[in-house]
């Protein structure tokens, strides 16, 4: 039998989460209803991600982060997808913060290991 699970994240900016989901071409609905049949949980979530293989929601916690809620039977795929979302979220967060600090993106490379390497520069 499946169980309802929650996974903490450090994702805090909803607009950056949406950018990350769009980068990964993951369909999402805003302010949607998430229902976990086996546990009886039903509630509105700011973001609901649904594909053919999985469905999970993101909801805000008391410490202003977003947690992932979903079914433990899909947790392997959810964790893999959330890891990709976290990478794209970090990418957008770094670009936003470096731009705000006056830096400009000079180079971007993605290695075989899927690590993104950014080079930024600021002219004084």
Protein backbone atom coordinates (compact mmCIF):
# COMPACT_ATOMS: atom_id res chain seq x y z
CA UNK A 1 0.00 0.00 0.00
CA UNK A 2 1.29 3.44 -0.82
CA UNK A 3 1.93 6.17 1.74
CA UNK A 4 1.74 9.94 1.66
CA UNK A 5 5.22 11.46 2.09
CA UNK A 6 6.73 14.91 2.51
CA UNK A 7 10.27 15.84 1.47
CA UNK A 8 11.91 19.03 2.74
CA UNK A 9 13.74 21.24 0.29
CA UNK A 10 15.52 24.58 0.38
CA UNK A 11 13.50 25.91 -2.53
CA UNK A 12 12.11 29.28 -1.44
CA UNK A 13 11.29 31.37 -4.51
CA UNK A 14 8.17 30.22 -6.38
CA UNK A 15 9.04 32.14 -9.55
CA UNK A 16 12.45 30.41 -9.74
CA UNK A 17 10.79 27.02 -9.16
CA UNK A 18 8.45 27.72 -12.08
CA UNK A 19 11.41 28.75 -14.28
CA UNK A 20 13.16 25.49 -13.38
CA UNK A 21 10.04 23.45 -14.23
CA UNK A 22 9.72 25.27 -17.55
CA UNK A 23 13.41 24.62 -18.35
CA UNK A 24 12.78 20.92 -17.80
CA UNK A 25 9.56 21.07 -19.84
CA UNK A 26 7.54 19.77 -16.88
CA UNK A 27 3.87 20.65 -16.96
CA UNK A 28 2.53 22.21 -13.79
CA UNK A 29 -0.66 23.76 -12.51
CA UNK A 30 -0.81 26.65 -10.09
CA UNK A 31 -3.13 26.63 -7.08
CA UNK A 32 -4.30 23.12 -7.92
CA UNK A 33 -5.81 20.41 -5.76
CA UNK A 34 -3.56 17.47 -4.85
CA UNK A 35 -5.28 14.27 -3.75
CA UNK A 36 -3.55 11.23 -2.28
CA UNK A 37 -6.17 8.52 -2.47
CA UNK A 38 -4.72 6.03 0.03
CA UNK A 39 -4.03 8.44 2.89
CA UNK A 40 -7.10 10.58 2.39
CA UNK A 41 -5.02 13.74 2.06
CA UNK A 42 -6.55 16.37 -0.17
CA UNK A 43 -5.51 19.98 -0.30
CA UNK A 44 -4.70 22.94 -2.46
CA UNK A 45 -1.02 23.35 -3.38
CA UNK A 46 0.72 26.33 -5.03
CA UNK A 47 2.22 24.01 -7.68
CA UNK A 48 1.13 20.58 -8.87
CA UNK A 49 3.49 18.76 -11.23
CA UNK A 50 1.97 15.95 -13.28
CA UNK A 51 3.44 13.79 -16.00
CA UNK A 52 2.49 10.36 -17.30
CA UNK A 53 4.85 8.76 -14.77
CA UNK A 54 4.37 10.84 -11.63
CA UNK A 55 2.48 13.50 -9.74
CA UNK A 56 3.67 15.59 -6.83
CA UNK A 57 2.85 18.88 -5.21
CA UNK A 58 4.90 21.68 -3.75
CA UNK A 59 3.55 23.50 -0.73
CA UNK A 60 4.97 26.20 1.50
CA UNK A 61 6.16 25.33 5.01
CA UNK A 62 6.33 27.45 8.14
CA UNK A 63 9.98 28.33 7.44
CA UNK A 64 9.09 29.78 3.99
CA UNK A 65 10.54 26.88 2.01
CA UNK A 66 8.60 24.53 -0.24
CA UNK A 67 8.25 20.85 0.54
CA UNK A 68 7.46 18.17 -1.97
CA UNK A 69 4.42 16.01 -1.23
CA UNK A 70 3.68 12.81 -3.05
CA UNK A 71 3.27 9.07 -3.02
CA UNK A 72 6.09 6.88 -1.70
CA UNK A 73 5.56 4.42 -4.57
CA UNK A 74 6.75 7.17 -6.95
CA UNK A 75 9.47 8.49 -4.67
CA UNK A 76 12.44 7.27 -6.75
CA UNK A 77 11.17 9.15 -9.80
CA UNK A 78 10.08 12.15 -7.71
CA UNK A 79 13.53 12.47 -6.09
CA UNK A 80 15.22 12.26 -9.49
CA UNK A 81 12.92 14.95 -10.89
CA UNK A 82 13.28 17.18 -7.81
CA UNK A 83 17.09 16.91 -8.08
CA UNK A 84 16.86 18.24 -11.64
CA UNK A 85 14.51 21.02 -10.49
CA UNK A 86 16.93 21.94 -7.70
CA UNK A 87 19.81 22.20 -10.17
CA UNK A 88 17.86 24.49 -12.50
CA UNK A 89 16.59 26.49 -9.50
CA UNK A 90 20.19 27.01 -8.31
CA UNK A 91 21.21 28.03 -11.84
CA UNK A 92 18.55 30.75 -11.99
CA UNK A 93 19.23 31.86 -8.40
CA UNK A 94 22.96 32.24 -9.10
CA UNK A 95 22.31 34.21 -12.30
CA UNK A 96 19.86 36.51 -10.50
CA UNK A 97 22.20 37.14 -7.55
CA UNK A 98 25.32 37.66 -9.66
CA UNK A 99 23.47 40.05 -11.96
CA UNK A 100 22.20 41.98 -8.94
CA UNK A 101 25.81 42.22 -7.69
CA UNK A 102 26.93 43.67 -11.03
CA UNK A 103 28.40 40.55 -12.64
CA UNK A 104 27.85 39.46 -16.22
CA UNK A 105 27.68 35.88 -17.48
CA UNK A 106 30.71 35.24 -19.68
CA UNK A 107 30.64 31.48 -20.22
CA UNK A 108 28.45 28.50 -19.41
CA UNK A 109 29.37 24.83 -19.84
CA UNK A 110 27.63 21.60 -18.93
CA UNK A 111 30.03 18.74 -18.32
CA UNK A 112 29.51 15.06 -18.98
CA UNK A 113 28.68 14.75 -15.30
CA UNK A 114 25.80 17.24 -15.89
CA UNK A 115 27.49 19.81 -13.64
CA UNK A 116 26.87 23.36 -14.84
CA UNK A 117 29.92 25.61 -14.74
CA UNK A 118 29.35 29.34 -14.98
CA UNK A 119 31.96 32.04 -15.46
CA UNK A 120 30.93 35.53 -14.45
CA UNK A 121 32.87 38.76 -14.62
CA UNK A 122 32.51 42.27 -13.29
CA UNK A 123 34.32 45.19 -14.75
CA UNK A 124 35.30 47.74 -12.16
